[in-house]
Amino acid sequence: MQCPSPFKRSAAVVCGAALAVPLVGGCAQPSGLKVEGSALRPSKVSGPVYVADAMGQPLQRPLVVGLTEAVSMSGLSWKDWGGPTARAIGKLSGSWCIPGCAKNPYDATLTLSGLEQQERVAYYRRATVEAKNPEELPPSAVNVQLQGIRLLVPEF
């Protein structure tokens, strides 16, 4: 086996580099990439908007919703619905505060977010619950997820 001479190797490297320059440069202009037109905007929500409860049941502006097995909201009065966020005030309760909150649930605000457009409907994907007076919540509330609750979203 004979090794190529250093001249042949150098010539091959130079030729290879010369061929690569047009490939790397492509069709770009010396001034760089030029972007024309406006940026894409998210499509508007069309069709009904839902929130799925912990059992996956689609609901619109529900009066009562079980967000998880341990967190429920009732007596909901909706301030916003159908936009990027939905807000309601109502009563917070759940298995973590029984028996106290069964008769006296806590005043709270529910915020739904992460609106996901599907083929003909949209669903909120996240929920956050904020107690009006967090200091009134029992110590067991420390173990309950009230922020960033992931909601069920049916797949079509």
Protein backbone atom coordinates (compact mmCIF):
# COMPACT_ATOMS: atom_id res chain seq x y z
CA MET A 1 0.00 0.00 0.00
CA GLN A 2 1.38 3.35 -0.99
CA CYS A 3 0.56 6.52 0.93
CA PRO A 4 -0.46 9.57 -1.09
CA SER A 5 2.11 12.28 -1.28
CA PRO A 6 1.69 15.34 0.96
CA PHE A 7 1.04 17.40 -2.18
CA LYS A 8 -1.92 15.24 -3.20
CA ARG A 9 -3.36 15.35 0.32
CA SER A 10 -3.02 19.17 0.41
CA ALA A 11 -4.66 19.49 -2.98
CA ALA A 12 -7.55 17.28 -1.84
CA VAL A 13 -8.07 19.39 1.29
CA VAL A 14 -8.00 22.65 -0.68
CA CYS A 15 -10.43 21.30 -3.31
CA GLY A 16 -12.75 19.98 -0.62
CA ALA A 17 -12.73 23.32 1.17
CA ALA A 18 -13.38 25.18 -2.08
CA LEU A 19 -16.41 22.98 -2.79
CA ALA A 20 -17.77 23.41 0.75
CA VAL A 21 -17.80 27.24 0.62
CA PRO A 22 -20.79 27.49 -1.74
CA LEU A 23 -22.64 24.89 0.29
CA VAL A 24 -22.10 26.73 3.57
CA GLY A 25 -22.83 30.14 2.07
CA GLY A 26 -25.84 28.85 0.18
CA CYS A 27 -27.98 31.59 -1.30
CA ALA A 28 -27.54 34.02 1.57
CA GLN A 29 -26.77 37.56 0.71
CA PRO A 30 -23.72 39.24 2.22
CA SER A 31 -26.01 41.39 4.39
CA GLY A 32 -27.47 38.28 6.05
CA LEU A 33 -30.88 36.70 6.17
CA LYS A 34 -33.81 38.98 5.38
CA VAL A 35 -37.19 38.19 6.93
CA GLU A 36 -40.26 39.60 5.26
CA GLY A 37 -43.85 39.80 6.48
CA SER A 38 -45.33 39.75 9.93
CA ALA A 39 -44.73 36.99 12.45
CA LEU A 40 -47.28 34.24 12.77
CA ARG A 41 -49.92 34.94 15.36
CA PRO A 42 -51.67 32.29 17.40
CA SER A 43 -55.00 31.43 15.88
CA LYS A 44 -58.07 32.69 17.65
CA VAL A 45 -60.09 30.25 19.63
CA SER A 46 -63.04 29.04 17.65
CA GLY A 47 -65.76 26.86 19.04
CA PRO A 48 -66.69 26.19 22.66
CA VAL A 49 -64.20 26.40 25.53
CA TYR A 50 -64.15 23.77 28.26
CA VAL A 51 -62.44 22.79 31.47
CA ALA A 52 -62.27 19.07 32.22
CA ASP A 53 -62.86 18.04 35.82
CA ALA A 54 -60.79 15.40 37.61
CA MET A 55 -62.92 12.69 35.97
CA GLY A 56 -62.38 14.14 32.47
CA GLN A 57 -65.92 15.50 32.14
CA PRO A 58 -65.95 18.61 29.86
CA LEU A 59 -67.62 21.59 31.57
CA GLN A 60 -68.41 25.14 30.52
CA ARG A 61 -68.54 27.82 33.21
CA PRO A 62 -69.22 25.19 35.87
CA LEU A 63 -70.79 26.05 39.21
CA VAL A 64 -68.84 23.18 40.80
CA VAL A 65 -65.60 21.58 39.61
CA GLY A 66 -63.36 18.90 41.08
CA LEU A 67 -59.87 19.93 39.97
CA THR A 68 -58.13 16.92 41.54
CA GLU A 69 -59.16 14.12 43.86
CA ALA A 70 -58.34 16.44 46.78
CA VAL A 71 -59.30 19.93 45.52
CA SER A 72 -62.82 21.12 44.68
CA MET A 73 -64.35 24.51 44.01
CA SER A 74 -68.06 25.25 44.37
CA GLY A 75 -70.37 28.24 44.10
CA LEU A 76 -68.29 29.53 41.21
CA SER A 77 -69.10 32.95 39.80
CA TRP A 78 -67.17 33.49 36.56
CA LYS A 79 -65.60 36.89 35.85
CA ASP A 80 -63.84 35.80 32.61
CA TRP A 81 -64.28 32.81 30.31
CA GLY A 82 -63.04 31.83 26.85
CA GLY A 83 -59.89 33.96 26.68
CA PRO A 84 -56.30 33.07 27.54
CA THR A 85 -57.36 32.88 31.20
CA ALA A 86 -60.67 32.33 32.96
CA ARG A 87 -61.33 33.59 36.49
CA ALA A 88 -63.98 32.79 39.05
CA ILE A 89 -64.55 33.32 42.74
CA GLY A 90 -66.02 30.55 44.83
CA LYS A 91 -65.55 28.18 47.74
CA LEU A 92 -62.52 25.91 48.18
CA SER A 93 -62.78 22.51 49.84
CA GLY A 94 -61.47 19.00 49.55
CA SER A 95 -60.57 15.85 51.39
CA TRP A 96 -57.64 17.63 53.09
CA CYS A 97 -59.92 19.90 55.15
CA ILE A 98 -62.80 17.61 56.13
CA PRO A 99 -64.73 17.83 58.40
CA GLY A 100 -64.23 21.60 58.88
CA CYS A 101 -64.68 22.77 55.30
CA ALA A 102 -67.61 20.50 54.51
CA LYS A 103 -69.90 23.08 56.13
CA ASN A 104 -67.64 26.13 55.85
CA PRO A 105 -65.49 26.03 52.70
CA TYR A 106 -62.83 28.69 52.19
CA ASP A 107 -63.29 31.75 49.95
CA ALA A 108 -60.94 31.46 46.98
CA THR A 109 -60.23 32.56 43.42
CA LEU A 110 -59.85 30.00 40.65
CA THR A 111 -57.75 30.89 37.60
CA LEU A 112 -57.67 28.63 34.55
CA SER A 113 -54.92 29.07 31.95
CA GLY A 114 -53.04 27.34 29.16
CA LEU A 115 -55.90 27.42 26.68
CA GLU A 116 -55.32 24.66 24.12
CA GLN A 117 -57.16 24.86 20.81
CA GLN A 118 -58.13 21.52 19.36
CA GLU A 119 -60.00 20.77 16.16
CA ARG A 120 -63.35 22.37 17.06
CA VAL A 121 -63.04 23.09 20.78
CA ALA A 122 -60.55 24.43 23.31
CA TYR A 123 -59.63 23.30 26.83
CA TYR A 124 -57.88 24.99 29.74
CA ARG A 125 -54.83 22.94 30.78
CA ARG A 126 -53.85 24.46 34.14
CA ALA A 127 -55.56 25.74 37.26
CA THR A 128 -54.44 27.83 40.21
CA VAL A 129 -56.42 28.33 43.40
CA GLU A 130 -55.71 31.24 45.72
CA ALA A 131 -57.41 31.34 49.09
CA LYS A 132 -58.75 34.77 50.01
CA ASN A 133 -57.33 34.39 53.53
CA PRO A 134 -54.56 31.78 53.32
CA GLU A 135 -53.83 32.12 57.03
CA GLU A 136 -57.26 30.57 57.74
CA LEU A 137 -56.41 27.34 55.90
CA PRO A 138 -55.67 24.34 58.16
CA PRO A 139 -52.08 23.04 58.46
CA SER A 140 -53.01 20.12 56.17
CA ALA A 141 -53.29 22.63 53.29
CA VAL A 142 -49.48 22.71 53.11
CA ASN A 143 -49.58 19.26 51.50
CA VAL A 144 -52.17 20.21 48.88
CA GLN A 145 -51.23 21.40 45.41
CA LEU A 146 -53.17 24.60 44.73
CA GLN A 147 -50.77 26.18 42.21
CA GLY A 148 -50.11 24.91 38.69
CA ILE A 149 -52.64 22.09 38.80
CA ARG A 150 -52.48 20.12 35.54
CA LEU A 151 -55.95 19.50 34.19
CA LEU A 152 -57.09 16.65 32.02
CA VAL A 153 -57.40 17.51 28.34
CA PRO A 154 -59.12 14.92 26.16
CA GLU A 155 -57.26 13.92 23.01
CA PHE A 156 -59.21 13.78 19.78
